[in-house]
Amino acid sequence: IIVNRTAAPHDLVHIEAKARRALVDGKTISIHGTEIDVTVESL
């Protein structure tokens, strides 16, 4: 992950969609647009 110095605002719809895809499909997108595998046991 990329650790930011300060918290950045995030849209609720975007966050929910990102979390749902990780939870259901085990996938997310990197900052360079690469699809990567993730495992979700805790959010």
Full PDB file with SEQRES, HELIX, SHEET, SSBOND, CRYST1, ORIGX, SCALE, CONECT and MASTER records, all heavy atoms in Angstrom:
SEQRES   1 A   43  ILE ILE VAL ASN ARG THR ALA ALA PRO HIS ASP LEU VAL          
SEQRES   2 A   43  HIS ILE GLU ALA LYS ALA ARG ARG ALA LEU VAL ASP GLY          
SEQRES   3 A   43  LYS THR ILE SER ILE HIS GLY THR GLU ILE ASP VAL THR          
SEQRES   4 A   43  VAL GLU SER LEU                                              
HELIX    1 AA1 LEU A   12  ASP A   25  1                                  14    
SHEET    1 AA1 2 LYS A  27  ILE A  29  0                                        
SHEET    2 AA1 2 GLU A  35  ASP A  37 -1                                        
CRYST1    1.000    1.000    1.000  90.00  90.00  90.00 P 1           1          
ORIGX1      1.000000  0.000000  0.000000        0.00000                         
ORIGX2      0.000000  1.000000  0.000000        0.00000                         
ORIGX3      0.000000  0.000000  1.000000        0.00000                         
SCALE1      1.000000  0.000000  0.000000        0.00000                         
SCALE2      0.000000  1.000000  0.000000        0.00000                         
SCALE3      0.000000  0.000000  1.000000        0.00000                         
ATOM      1  N   ILE A   1       0.830  -1.212   0.000  1.00  0.00           N  
ATOM      2  CA  ILE A   1       0.000   0.000   0.000  1.00  0.00           C  
ATOM      3  C   ILE A   1       0.861   1.256   0.000  1.00  0.00           C  
ATOM      4  O   ILE A   1       2.039   1.230   0.348  1.00  0.00           O  
ATOM      5  CB  ILE A   1      -0.943   0.028   1.216  1.00  0.00           C  
ATOM      6  CG1 ILE A   1      -0.157  -0.121   2.527  1.00  0.00           C  
ATOM      7  CG2 ILE A   1      -2.028  -1.015   1.082  1.00  0.00           C  
ATOM      8  CD1 ILE A   1      -0.986   0.093   3.767  1.00  0.00           C  
ATOM      9  N   ILE A   2       0.238   2.349  -0.377  1.00  0.00           N  
ATOM     10  CA  ILE A   2       0.889   3.658  -0.346  1.00  0.00           C  
ATOM     11  C   ILE A   2       0.404   4.389   0.896  1.00  0.00           C  
ATOM     12  O   ILE A   2      -0.791   4.689   1.030  1.00  0.00           O  
ATOM     13  CB  ILE A   2       0.556   4.459  -1.614  1.00  0.00           C  
ATOM     14  CG1 ILE A   2       1.069   3.710  -2.852  1.00  0.00           C  
ATOM     15  CG2 ILE A   2       1.133   5.863  -1.537  1.00  0.00           C  
ATOM     16  CD1 ILE A   2       0.598   4.293  -4.157  1.00  0.00           C  
ATOM     17  N   VAL A   3       1.317   4.624   1.832  1.00  0.00           N  
ATOM     18  CA  VAL A   3       0.967   5.274   3.093  1.00  0.00           C  
ATOM     19  C   VAL A   3       1.039   6.786   2.896  1.00  0.00           C  
ATOM     20  O   VAL A   3       2.107   7.346   2.655  1.00  0.00           O  
ATOM     21  CB  VAL A   3       1.917   4.839   4.226  1.00  0.00           C  
ATOM     22  CG1 VAL A   3       1.590   5.584   5.509  1.00  0.00           C  
ATOM     23  CG2 VAL A   3       1.804   3.339   4.451  1.00  0.00           C  
ATOM     24  N   ASN A   4      -0.112   7.439   2.986  1.00  0.00           N  
ATOM     25  CA  ASN A   4      -0.173   8.884   2.821  1.00  0.00           C  
ATOM     26  C   ASN A   4       0.164   9.591   4.131  1.00  0.00           C  
ATOM     27  O   ASN A   4      -0.111   9.081   5.213  1.00  0.00           O  
ATOM     28  CB  ASN A   4      -1.576   9.308   2.364  1.00  0.00           C  
ATOM     29  CG  ASN A   4      -1.989   8.631   1.078  1.00  0.00           C  
ATOM     30  OD1 ASN A   4      -1.212   8.568   0.135  1.00  0.00           O  
ATOM     31  ND2 ASN A   4      -3.207   8.108   1.039  1.00  0.00           N  
ATOM     32  N   ARG A   5       0.751  10.780   4.030  1.00  0.00           N  
ATOM     33  CA  ARG A   5       1.063  11.553   5.233  1.00  0.00           C  
ATOM     34  C   ARG A   5      -0.204  11.990   5.949  1.00  0.00           C  
ATOM     35  O   ARG A   5      -0.259  12.041   7.174  1.00  0.00           O  
ATOM     36  CB  ARG A   5       1.907  12.783   4.861  1.00  0.00           C  
ATOM     37  CG  ARG A   5       3.301  12.451   4.349  1.00  0.00           C  
ATOM     38  CD  ARG A   5       4.213  11.987   5.462  1.00  0.00           C  
ATOM     39  NE  ARG A   5       5.566  11.748   4.994  1.00  0.00           N  
ATOM     40  CZ  ARG A   5       6.516  12.671   4.957  1.00  0.00           C  
ATOM     41  NH1 ARG A   5       6.262  13.893   5.358  1.00  0.00           N  
ATOM     42  NH2 ARG A   5       7.721  12.366   4.520  1.00  0.00           N  
ATOM     43  N   THR A   6      -1.230  12.351   5.181  1.00  0.00           N  
ATOM     44  CA  THR A   6      -2.506  12.765   5.766  1.00  0.00           C  
ATOM     45  C   THR A   6      -3.635  12.039   5.055  1.00  0.00           C  
ATOM     46  O   THR A   6      -3.484  11.587   3.916  1.00  0.00           O  
ATOM     47  CB  THR A   6      -2.726  14.286   5.636  1.00  0.00           C  
ATOM     48  OG1 THR A   6      -2.671  14.658   4.247  1.00  0.00           O  
ATOM     49  CG2 THR A   6      -1.651  15.057   6.393  1.00  0.00           C  
ATOM     50  N   ALA A   7      -4.767  11.927   5.738  1.00  0.00           N  
ATOM     51  CA  ALA A   7      -5.918  11.236   5.159  1.00  0.00           C  
ATOM     52  C   ALA A   7      -6.530  12.076   4.043  1.00  0.00           C  
ATOM     53  O   ALA A   7      -6.700  13.287   4.186  1.00  0.00           O  
ATOM     54  CB  ALA A   7      -6.958  10.966   6.230  1.00  0.00           C  
ATOM     55  N   ALA A   8      -6.845  11.411   2.942  1.00  0.00           N  
ATOM     56  CA  ALA A   8      -7.481  12.085   1.815  1.00  0.00           C  
ATOM     57  C   ALA A   8      -8.966  11.755   1.801  1.00  0.00           C  
ATOM     58  O   ALA A   8      -9.369  10.655   2.189  1.00  0.00           O  
ATOM     59  CB  ALA A   8      -6.840  11.639   0.502  1.00  0.00           C  
ATOM     60  N   PRO A   9      -9.805  12.713   1.377  1.00  0.00           N  
ATOM     61  CA  PRO A   9     -11.243  12.428   1.327  1.00  0.00           C  
ATOM     62  C   PRO A   9     -11.567  11.383   0.278  1.00  0.00           C  
ATOM     63  O   PRO A   9     -10.907  11.289  -0.755  1.00  0.00           O  
ATOM     64  CB  PRO A   9     -11.851  13.790   0.947  1.00  0.00           C  
ATOM     65  CG  PRO A   9     -10.740  14.531   0.272  1.00  0.00           C  
ATOM     66  CD  PRO A   9      -9.486  14.077   0.922  1.00  0.00           C  
ATOM     67  N   HIS A  10     -12.582  10.559   0.558  1.00  0.00           N  
ATOM     68  CA  HIS A  10     -12.981   9.505  -0.369  1.00  0.00           C  
ATOM     69  C   HIS A  10     -14.498   9.494  -0.495  1.00  0.00           C  
ATOM     70  O   HIS A  10     -15.217   9.644   0.486  1.00  0.00           O  
ATOM     71  CB  HIS A  10     -12.502   8.138   0.113  1.00  0.00           C  
ATOM     72  CG  HIS A  10     -11.022   7.928  -0.021  1.00  0.00           C  
ATOM     73  ND1 HIS A  10     -10.436   7.460  -1.170  1.00  0.00           N  
ATOM     74  CD2 HIS A  10     -10.016   8.130   0.857  1.00  0.00           C  
ATOM     75  CE1 HIS A  10      -9.134   7.375  -1.000  1.00  0.00           C  
ATOM     76  NE2 HIS A  10      -8.860   7.774   0.228  1.00  0.00           N  
ATOM     77  N   ASP A  11     -14.955   9.281  -1.713  1.00  0.00           N  
ATOM     78  CA  ASP A  11     -16.376   9.203  -1.987  1.00  0.00           C  
ATOM     79  C   ASP A  11     -16.932   7.880  -1.477  1.00  0.00           C  
ATOM     80  O   ASP A  11     -16.335   6.805  -1.688  1.00  0.00           O  
ATOM     81  CB  ASP A  11     -16.603   9.318  -3.501  1.00  0.00           C  
ATOM     82  CG  ASP A  11     -18.052   9.161  -3.874  1.00  0.00           C  
ATOM     83  OD1 ASP A  11     -18.830  10.088  -3.630  1.00  0.00           O  
ATOM     84  OD2 ASP A  11     -18.402   8.071  -4.403  1.00  0.00           O  
ATOM     85  N   LEU A  12     -18.076   7.935  -0.803  1.00  0.00           N  
ATOM     86  CA  LEU A  12     -18.658   6.734  -0.213  1.00  0.00           C  
ATOM     87  C   LEU A  12     -19.003   5.678  -1.251  1.00  0.00           C  
ATOM     88  O   LEU A  12     -18.812   4.480  -1.025  1.00  0.00           O  
ATOM     89  CB  LEU A  12     -19.909   7.099   0.585  1.00  0.00           C  
ATOM     90  CG  LEU A  12     -19.704   7.795   1.923  1.00  0.00           C  
ATOM     91  CD1 LEU A  12     -21.053   8.189   2.515  1.00  0.00           C  
ATOM     92  CD2 LEU A  12     -18.950   6.892   2.886  1.00  0.00           C  
ATOM     93  N   VAL A  13     -19.523   6.103  -2.381  1.00  0.00           N  
ATOM     94  CA  VAL A  13     -19.894   5.151  -3.433  1.00  0.00           C  
ATOM     95  C   VAL A  13     -18.650   4.431  -3.951  1.00  0.00           C  
ATOM     96  O   VAL A  13     -18.656   3.207  -4.157  1.00  0.00           O  
ATOM     97  CB  VAL A  13     -20.633   5.869  -4.575  1.00  0.00           C  
ATOM     98  CG1 VAL A  13     -20.886   4.906  -5.735  1.00  0.00           C  
ATOM     99  CG2 VAL A  13     -21.942   6.457  -4.075  1.00  0.00           C  
ATOM    100  N   HIS A  14     -17.576   5.189  -4.150  1.00  0.00           N  
ATOM    101  CA  HIS A  14     -16.325   4.590  -4.630  1.00  0.00           C  
ATOM    102  C   HIS A  14     -15.771   3.603  -3.619  1.00  0.00           C  
ATOM    103  O   HIS A  14     -15.335   2.490  -3.974  1.00  0.00           O  
ATOM    104  CB  HIS A  14     -15.302   5.690  -4.903  1.00  0.00           C  
ATOM    105  CG  HIS A  14     -13.918   5.172  -5.166  1.00  0.00           C  
ATOM    106  ND1 HIS A  14     -13.567   4.556  -6.343  1.00  0.00           N  
ATOM    107  CD2 HIS A  14     -12.806   5.147  -4.375  1.00  0.00           C  
ATOM    108  CE1 HIS A  14     -12.295   4.188  -6.288  1.00  0.00           C  
ATOM    109  NE2 HIS A  14     -11.814   4.526  -5.105  1.00  0.00           N  
ATOM    110  N   ILE A  15     -15.771   3.981  -2.348  1.00  0.00           N  
ATOM    111  CA  ILE A  15     -15.240   3.102  -1.308  1.00  0.00           C  
ATOM    112  C   ILE A  15     -16.039   1.803  -1.232  1.00  0.00           C  
ATOM    113  O   ILE A  15     -15.474   0.709  -1.142  1.00  0.00           O  
ATOM    114  CB  ILE A  15     -15.239   3.830   0.056  1.00  0.00           C  
ATOM    115  CG1 ILE A  15     -14.019   4.749   0.155  1.00  0.00           C  
ATOM    116  CG2 ILE A  15     -15.244   2.842   1.207  1.00  0.00           C  
ATOM    117  CD1 ILE A  15     -13.868   5.443   1.485  1.00  0.00           C  
ATOM    118  N   GLU A  16     -17.367   1.921  -1.268  1.00  0.00           N  
ATOM    119  CA  GLU A  16     -18.196   0.725  -1.183  1.00  0.00           C  
ATOM    120  C   GLU A  16     -17.964  -0.186  -2.384  1.00  0.00           C  
ATOM    121  O   GLU A  16     -17.866  -1.417  -2.234  1.00  0.00           O  
ATOM    122  CB  GLU A  16     -19.671   1.085  -1.076  1.00  0.00           C  
ATOM    123  CG  GLU A  16     -20.559  -0.134  -0.906  1.00  0.00           C  
ATOM    124  CD  GLU A  16     -22.012   0.224  -0.666  1.00  0.00           C  
ATOM    125  OE1 GLU A  16     -22.339   1.413  -0.552  1.00  0.00           O  
ATOM    126  OE2 GLU A  16     -22.821  -0.723  -0.575  1.00  0.00           O  
ATOM    127  N   ALA A  17     -17.856   0.391  -3.573  1.00  0.00           N  
ATOM    128  CA  ALA A  17     -17.631  -0.416  -4.777  1.00  0.00           C  
ATOM    129  C   ALA A  17     -16.270  -1.109  -4.723  1.00  0.00           C  
ATOM    130  O   ALA A  17     -16.141  -2.284  -5.095  1.00  0.00           O  
ATOM    131  CB  ALA A  17     -17.723   0.470  -6.017  1.00  0.00           C  
ATOM    132  N   LYS A  18     -15.256  -0.392  -4.236  1.00  0.00           N  
ATOM    133  CA  LYS A  18     -13.916  -0.956  -4.118  1.00  0.00           C  
ATOM    134  C   LYS A  18     -13.912  -2.118  -3.125  1.00  0.00           C  
ATOM    135  O   LYS A  18     -13.333  -3.181  -3.384  1.00  0.00           O  
ATOM    136  CB  LYS A  18     -12.940   0.132  -3.672  1.00  0.00           C  
ATOM    137  CG  LYS A  18     -11.506  -0.322  -3.492  1.00  0.00           C  
ATOM    138  CD  LYS A  18     -10.626   0.843  -3.070  1.00  0.00           C  
ATOM    139  CE  LYS A  18      -9.194   0.399  -2.813  1.00  0.00           C  
ATOM    140  NZ  LYS A  18      -8.333   1.544  -2.382  1.00  0.00           N  
ATOM    141  N   ALA A  19     -14.562  -1.917  -1.989  1.00  0.00           N  
ATOM    142  CA  ALA A  19     -14.612  -2.956  -0.963  1.00  0.00           C  
ATOM    143  C   ALA A  19     -15.406  -4.160  -1.446  1.00  0.00           C  
ATOM    144  O   ALA A  19     -15.027  -5.314  -1.201  1.00  0.00           O  
ATOM    145  CB  ALA A  19     -15.216  -2.394   0.318  1.00  0.00           C  
ATOM    146  N   ARG A  20     -16.508  -3.920  -2.118  1.00  0.00           N  
ATOM    147  CA  ARG A  20     -17.362  -5.019  -2.575  1.00  0.00           C  
ATOM    148  C   ARG A  20     -16.617  -5.877  -3.599  1.00  0.00           C  
ATOM    149  O   ARG A  20     -16.694  -7.113  -3.566  1.00  0.00           O  
ATOM    150  CB  ARG A  20     -18.656  -4.468  -3.171  1.00  0.00           C  
ATOM    151  CG  ARG A  20     -19.682  -5.556  -3.498  1.00  0.00           C  
ATOM    152  CD  ARG A  20     -20.965  -4.945  -4.045  1.00  0.00           C  
ATOM    153  NE  ARG A  20     -21.591  -4.039  -3.105  1.00  0.00           N  
ATOM    154  CZ  ARG A  20     -22.363  -4.425  -2.091  1.00  0.00           C  
ATOM    155  NH1 ARG A  20     -22.585  -5.717  -1.899  1.00  0.00           N  
ATOM    156  NH2 ARG A  20     -22.911  -3.536  -1.276  1.00  0.00           N  
ATOM    157  N   ARG A  21     -15.895  -5.240  -4.523  1.00  0.00           N  
ATOM    158  CA  ARG A  21     -15.158  -6.014  -5.529  1.00  0.00           C  
ATOM    159  C   ARG A  21     -14.063  -6.853  -4.878  1.00  0.00           C  
ATOM    160  O   ARG A  21     -13.848  -8.010  -5.232  1.00  0.00           O  
ATOM    161  CB  ARG A  21     -14.543  -5.087  -6.574  1.00  0.00           C  
ATOM    162  CG  ARG A  21     -13.814  -5.866  -7.661  1.00  0.00           C  
ATOM    163  CD  ARG A  21     -13.621  -5.082  -8.935  1.00  0.00           C  
ATOM    164  NE  ARG A  21     -13.185  -5.989  -9.977  1.00  0.00           N  
ATOM    165  CZ  ARG A  21     -11.930  -6.038 -10.452  1.00  0.00           C  
ATOM    166  NH1 ARG A  21     -11.011  -5.225  -9.979  1.00  0.00           N  
ATOM    167  NH2 ARG A  21     -11.610  -6.891 -11.388  1.00  0.00           N  
ATOM    168  N   ALA A  22     -13.383  -6.263  -3.891  1.00  0.00           N  
ATOM    169  CA  ALA A  22     -12.345  -7.018  -3.186  1.00  0.00           C  
ATOM    170  C   ALA A  22     -12.944  -8.204  -2.446  1.00  0.00           C  
ATOM    171  O   ALA A  22     -12.392  -9.312  -2.460  1.00  0.00           O  
ATOM    172  CB  ALA A  22     -11.610  -6.101  -2.217  1.00  0.00           C  
ATOM    173  N   LEU A  23     -14.089  -7.979  -1.831  1.00  0.00           N  
ATOM    174  CA  LEU A  23     -14.734  -9.017  -1.030  1.00  0.00           C  
ATOM    175  C   LEU A  23     -15.303 -10.130  -1.894  1.00  0.00           C  
ATOM    176  O   LEU A  23     -15.150 -11.317  -1.594  1.00  0.00           O  
ATOM    177  CB  LEU A  23     -15.837  -8.371  -0.187  1.00  0.00           C  
ATOM    178  CG  LEU A  23     -16.512  -9.211   0.890  1.00  0.00           C  
ATOM    179  CD1 LEU A  23     -15.508  -9.657   1.938  1.00  0.00           C  
ATOM    180  CD2 LEU A  23     -17.630  -8.411   1.548  1.00  0.00           C  
ATOM    181  N   VAL A  24     -15.945  -9.761  -2.980  1.00  0.00           N  
ATOM    182  CA  VAL A  24     -16.641 -10.740  -3.825  1.00  0.00           C  
ATOM    183  C   VAL A  24     -15.709 -11.385  -4.846  1.00  0.00           C  
ATOM    184  O   VAL A  24     -15.716 -12.613  -5.035  1.00  0.00           O  
ATOM    185  CB  VAL A  24     -17.833 -10.078  -4.538  1.00  0.00           C  
ATOM    186  CG1 VAL A  24     -18.488 -11.059  -5.518  1.00  0.00           C  
ATOM    187  CG2 VAL A  24     -18.856  -9.577  -3.522  1.00  0.00           C  
ATOM    188  N   ASP A  25     -14.876 -10.558  -5.507  1.00  0.00           N  
ATOM    189  CA  ASP A  25     -14.041 -11.054  -6.600  1.00  0.00           C  
ATOM    190  C   ASP A  25     -12.587 -11.299  -6.202  1.00  0.00           C  
ATOM    191  O   ASP A  25     -11.832 -11.933  -6.965  1.00  0.00           O  
ATOM    192  CB  ASP A  25     -14.057 -10.068  -7.772  1.00  0.00           C  
ATOM    193  CG  ASP A  25     -15.456  -9.855  -8.337  1.00  0.00           C  
ATOM    194  OD1 ASP A  25     -16.271 -10.799  -8.251  1.00  0.00           O  
ATOM    195  OD2 ASP A  25     -15.725  -8.754  -8.853  1.00  0.00           O  
ATOM    196  N   GLY A  26     -12.166 -10.767  -5.043  1.00  0.00           N  
ATOM    197  CA  GLY A  26     -10.772 -10.914  -4.639  1.00  0.00           C  
ATOM    198  C   GLY A  26      -9.826 -10.131  -5.521  1.00  0.00           C  
ATOM    199  O   GLY A  26      -8.672 -10.529  -5.737  1.00  0.00           O  
ATOM    200  N   LYS A  27     -10.285  -8.980  -6.035  1.00  0.00           N  
ATOM    201  CA  LYS A  27      -9.485  -8.173  -6.954  1.00  0.00           C  
ATOM    202  C   LYS A  27      -9.561  -6.696  -6.572  1.00  0.00           C  
ATOM    203  O   LYS A  27     -10.555  -6.231  -6.007  1.00  0.00           O  
ATOM    204  CB  LYS A  27      -9.990  -8.313  -8.396  1.00  0.00           C  
ATOM    205  CG  LYS A  27     -10.018  -9.726  -8.946  1.00  0.00           C  
ATOM    206  CD  LYS A  27      -8.631 -10.220  -9.296  1.00  0.00           C  
ATOM    207  CE  LYS A  27      -8.697 -11.596  -9.960  1.00  0.00           C  
ATOM    208  NZ  LYS A  27      -7.344 -12.122 -10.295  1.00  0.00           N  
ATOM    209  N   THR A  28      -8.501  -5.958  -6.913  1.00  0.00           N  
ATOM    210  CA  THR A  28      -8.540  -4.506  -6.857  1.00  0.00           C  
ATOM    211  C   THR A  28      -7.592  -3.980  -7.924  1.00  0.00           C  
ATOM    212  O   THR A  28      -6.867  -4.752  -8.565  1.00  0.00           O  
ATOM    213  CB  THR A  28      -8.177  -3.975  -5.456  1.00  0.00           C  
ATOM    214  OG1 THR A  28      -8.599  -2.604  -5.349  1.00  0.00           O  
ATOM    215  CG2 THR A  28      -6.671  -4.058  -5.186  1.00  0.00           C  
ATOM    216  N   ILE A  29      -7.588  -2.673  -8.122  1.00  0.00           N  
ATOM    217  CA  ILE A  29      -6.776  -2.048  -9.163  1.00  0.00           C  
ATOM    218  C   ILE A  29      -5.668  -1.220  -8.514  1.00  0.00           C  
ATOM    219  O   ILE A  29      -5.923  -0.430  -7.595  1.00  0.00           O  
ATOM    220  CB  ILE A  29      -7.631  -1.143 -10.071  1.00  0.00           C  
ATOM    221  CG1 ILE A  29      -8.743  -1.954 -10.740  1.00  0.00           C  
ATOM    222  CG2 ILE A  29      -6.759  -0.467 -11.124  1.00  0.00           C  
ATOM    223  CD1 ILE A  29      -8.241  -3.014 -11.686  1.00  0.00           C  
ATOM    224  N   SER A  30      -4.434  -1.396  -8.994  1.00  0.00           N  
ATOM    225  CA  SER A  30      -3.307  -0.620  -8.473  1.00  0.00           C  
ATOM    226  C   SER A  30      -3.329   0.784  -9.050  1.00  0.00           C  
ATOM    227  O   SER A  30      -4.128   1.107  -9.944  1.00  0.00           O  
ATOM    228  CB  SER A  30      -1.986  -1.303  -8.831  1.00  0.00           C  
ATOM    229  OG  SER A  30      -1.663  -1.059 -10.194  1.00  0.00           O  
ATOM    230  N   ILE A  31      -2.426   1.622  -8.558  1.00  0.00           N  
ATOM    231  CA  ILE A  31      -2.351   3.006  -9.052  1.00  0.00           C  
ATOM    232  C   ILE A  31      -1.956   3.069 -10.514  1.00  0.00           C  
ATOM    233  O   ILE A  31      -2.177   4.083 -11.179  1.00  0.00           O  
ATOM    234  CB  ILE A  31      -1.368   3.854  -8.219  1.00  0.00           C  
ATOM    235  CG1 ILE A  31       0.021   3.204  -8.210  1.00  0.00           C  
ATOM    236  CG2 ILE A  31      -1.883   4.072  -6.816  1.00  0.00           C  
ATOM    237  CD1 ILE A  31       1.100   4.107  -7.662  1.00  0.00           C  
ATOM    238  N   HIS A  32      -1.377   1.990 -11.039  1.00  0.00           N  
ATOM    239  CA  HIS A  32      -0.974   1.963 -12.445  1.00  0.00           C  
ATOM    240  C   HIS A  32      -1.992   1.237 -13.321  1.00  0.00           C  
ATOM    241  O   HIS A  32      -1.721   0.962 -14.493  1.00  0.00           O  
ATOM    242  CB  HIS A  32       0.400   1.305 -12.582  1.00  0.00           C  
ATOM    243  CG  HIS A  32       1.490   2.020 -11.858  1.00  0.00           C  
ATOM    244  ND1 HIS A  32       2.198   1.462 -10.830  1.00  0.00           N  
ATOM    245  CD2 HIS A  32       1.965   3.286 -11.999  1.00  0.00           C  
ATOM    246  CE1 HIS A  32       3.079   2.333 -10.379  1.00  0.00           C  
ATOM    247  NE2 HIS A  32       2.943   3.443 -11.057  1.00  0.00           N  
ATOM    248  N   GLY A  33      -3.142   0.896 -12.734  1.00  0.00           N  
ATOM    249  CA  GLY A  33      -4.181   0.247 -13.510  1.00  0.00           C  
ATOM    250  C   GLY A  33      -4.042  -1.257 -13.610  1.00  0.00           C  
ATOM    251  O   GLY A  33      -4.768  -1.894 -14.380  1.00  0.00           O  
ATOM    252  N   THR A  34      -3.119  -1.833 -12.836  1.00  0.00           N  
ATOM    253  CA  THR A  34      -2.921  -3.277 -12.857  1.00  0.00           C  
ATOM    254  C   THR A  34      -3.907  -3.958 -11.916  1.00  0.00           C  
ATOM    255  O   THR A  34      -4.082  -3.526 -10.775  1.00  0.00           O  
ATOM    256  CB  THR A  34      -1.485  -3.626 -12.417  1.00  0.00           C  
ATOM    257  OG1 THR A  34      -0.554  -2.995 -13.301  1.00  0.00           O  
ATOM    258  CG2 THR A  34      -1.267  -5.140 -12.430  1.00  0.00           C  
ATOM    259  N   GLU A  35      -4.541  -5.013 -12.391  1.00  0.00           N  
ATOM    260  CA  GLU A  35      -5.448  -5.776 -11.547  1.00  0.00           C  
ATOM    261  C   GLU A  35      -4.627  -6.695 -10.659  1.00  0.00           C  
ATOM    262  O   GLU A  35      -3.793  -7.462 -11.148  1.00  0.00           O  
ATOM    263  CB  GLU A  35      -6.418  -6.580 -12.397  1.00  0.00           C  
ATOM    264  CG  GLU A  35      -7.536  -7.228 -11.606  1.00  0.00           C  
ATOM    265  CD  GLU A  35      -8.594  -7.842 -12.496  1.00  0.00           C  
ATOM    266  OE1 GLU A  35      -8.325  -8.946 -13.010  1.00  0.00           O  
ATOM    267  OE2 GLU A  35      -9.656  -7.218 -12.682  1.00  0.00           O  
ATOM    268  N   ILE A  36      -4.836  -6.626  -9.357  1.00  0.00           N  
ATOM    269  CA  ILE A  36      -4.071  -7.441  -8.423  1.00  0.00           C  
ATOM    270  C   ILE A  36      -5.015  -8.265  -7.553  1.00  0.00           C  
ATOM    271  O   ILE A  36      -6.154  -7.876  -7.307  1.00  0.00           O  
ATOM    272  CB  ILE A  36      -3.132  -6.588  -7.544  1.00  0.00           C  
ATOM    273  CG1 ILE A  36      -3.908  -5.534  -6.763  1.00  0.00           C  
ATOM    274  CG2 ILE A  36      -2.054  -5.932  -8.389  1.00  0.00           C  
ATOM    275  CD1 ILE A  36      -3.049  -4.714  -5.826  1.00  0.00           C  
ATOM    276  N   ASP A  37      -4.494  -9.410  -7.102  1.00  0.00           N  
ATOM    277  CA  ASP A  37      -5.267 -10.292  -6.237  1.00  0.00           C  
ATOM    278  C   ASP A  37      -5.193  -9.806  -4.792  1.00  0.00           C  
ATOM    279  O   ASP A  37      -4.125  -9.413  -4.307  1.00  0.00           O  
ATOM    280  CB  ASP A  37      -4.721 -11.722  -6.306  1.00  0.00           C  
ATOM    281  CG  ASP A  37      -4.921 -12.365  -7.666  1.00  0.00           C  
ATOM    282  OD1 ASP A  37      -5.931 -12.038  -8.328  1.00  0.00           O  
ATOM    283  OD2 ASP A  37      -4.062 -13.173  -8.067  1.00  0.00           O  
ATOM    284  N   VAL A  38      -6.329  -9.847  -4.104  1.00  0.00           N  
ATOM    285  CA  VAL A  38      -6.376  -9.490  -2.690  1.00  0.00           C  
ATOM    286  C   VAL A  38      -7.200 -10.543  -1.951  1.00  0.00           C  
ATOM    287  O   VAL A  38      -7.984 -11.266  -2.546  1.00  0.00           O  
ATOM    288  CB  VAL A  38      -6.995  -8.092  -2.462  1.00  0.00           C  
ATOM    289  CG1 VAL A  38      -6.110  -7.000  -3.054  1.00  0.00           C  
ATOM    290  CG2 VAL A  38      -8.402  -8.008  -3.028  1.00  0.00           C  
ATOM    291  N   THR A  39      -6.968 -10.621  -0.673  1.00  0.00           N  
ATOM    292  CA  THR A  39      -7.753 -11.480   0.201  1.00  0.00           C  
ATOM    293  C   THR A  39      -8.336 -10.602   1.292  1.00  0.00           C  
ATOM    294  O   THR A  39      -7.635  -9.742   1.837  1.00  0.00           O  
ATOM    295  CB  THR A  39      -6.886 -12.580   0.839  1.00  0.00           C  
ATOM    296  OG1 THR A  39      -6.247 -13.326  -0.194  1.00  0.00           O  
ATOM    297  CG2 THR A  39      -7.721 -13.505   1.705  1.00  0.00           C  
ATOM    298  N   VAL A  40      -9.598 -10.778   1.600  1.00  0.00           N  
ATOM    299  CA  VAL A  40     -10.257  -9.918   2.590  1.00  0.00           C  
ATOM    300  C   VAL A  40     -10.730 -10.754   3.773  1.00  0.00           C  
ATOM    301  O   VAL A  40     -11.679 -11.532   3.656  1.00  0.00           O  
ATOM    302  CB  VAL A  40     -11.451  -9.166   1.977  1.00  0.00           C  
ATOM    303  CG1 VAL A  40     -12.042  -8.207   3.012  1.00  0.00           C  
ATOM    304  CG2 VAL A  40     -11.043  -8.410   0.727  1.00  0.00           C  
ATOM    305  N   GLU A  41     -10.043 -10.602   4.886  1.00  0.00           N  
ATOM    306  CA  GLU A  41     -10.512 -11.179   6.137  1.00  0.00           C  
ATOM    307  C   GLU A  41     -10.853 -10.079   7.143  1.00  0.00           C  
ATOM    308  O   GLU A  41     -11.580 -10.307   8.094  1.00  0.00           O  
ATOM    309  CB  GLU A  41      -9.446 -12.119   6.712  1.00  0.00           C  
ATOM    310  CG  GLU A  41      -9.238 -13.340   5.840  1.00  0.00           C  
ATOM    311  CD  GLU A  41      -8.109 -14.226   6.297  1.00  0.00           C  
ATOM    312  OE1 GLU A  41      -7.176 -13.724   6.956  1.00  0.00           O  
ATOM    313  OE2 GLU A  41      -8.142 -15.438   5.990  1.00  0.00           O  
ATOM    314  N   SER A  42     -10.315  -8.882   6.892  1.00  0.00           N  
ATOM    315  CA  SER A  42     -10.653  -7.718   7.712  1.00  0.00           C  
ATOM    316  C   SER A  42     -10.528  -6.465   6.862  1.00  0.00           C  
ATOM    317  O   SER A  42      -9.570  -6.320   6.101  1.00  0.00           O  
ATOM    318  CB  SER A  42      -9.723  -7.627   8.930  1.00  0.00           C  
ATOM    319  OG  SER A  42     -10.181  -6.658   9.854  1.00  0.00           O  
ATOM    320  N   LEU A  43     -11.493  -5.584   6.977  1.00  0.00           N  
ATOM    321  CA  LEU A  43     -11.481  -4.305   6.270  1.00  0.00           C  
ATOM    322  C   LEU A  43     -11.040  -3.213   7.239  1.00  0.00           C  
ATOM    323  O   LEU A  43     -11.594  -3.093   8.334  1.00  0.00           O  
ATOM    324  CB  LEU A  43     -12.872  -3.974   5.733  1.00  0.00           C  
ATOM    325  CG  LEU A  43     -13.374  -4.823   4.566  1.00  0.00           C  
ATOM    326  CD1 LEU A  43     -14.881  -4.670   4.433  1.00  0.00           C  
ATOM    327  CD2 LEU A  43     -12.694  -4.399   3.265  1.00  0.00           C  
TER     328      LEU A  43                                                      
MASTER        0    0    0    1    2    0    0    6  327    1    0    4          
END                                                                             
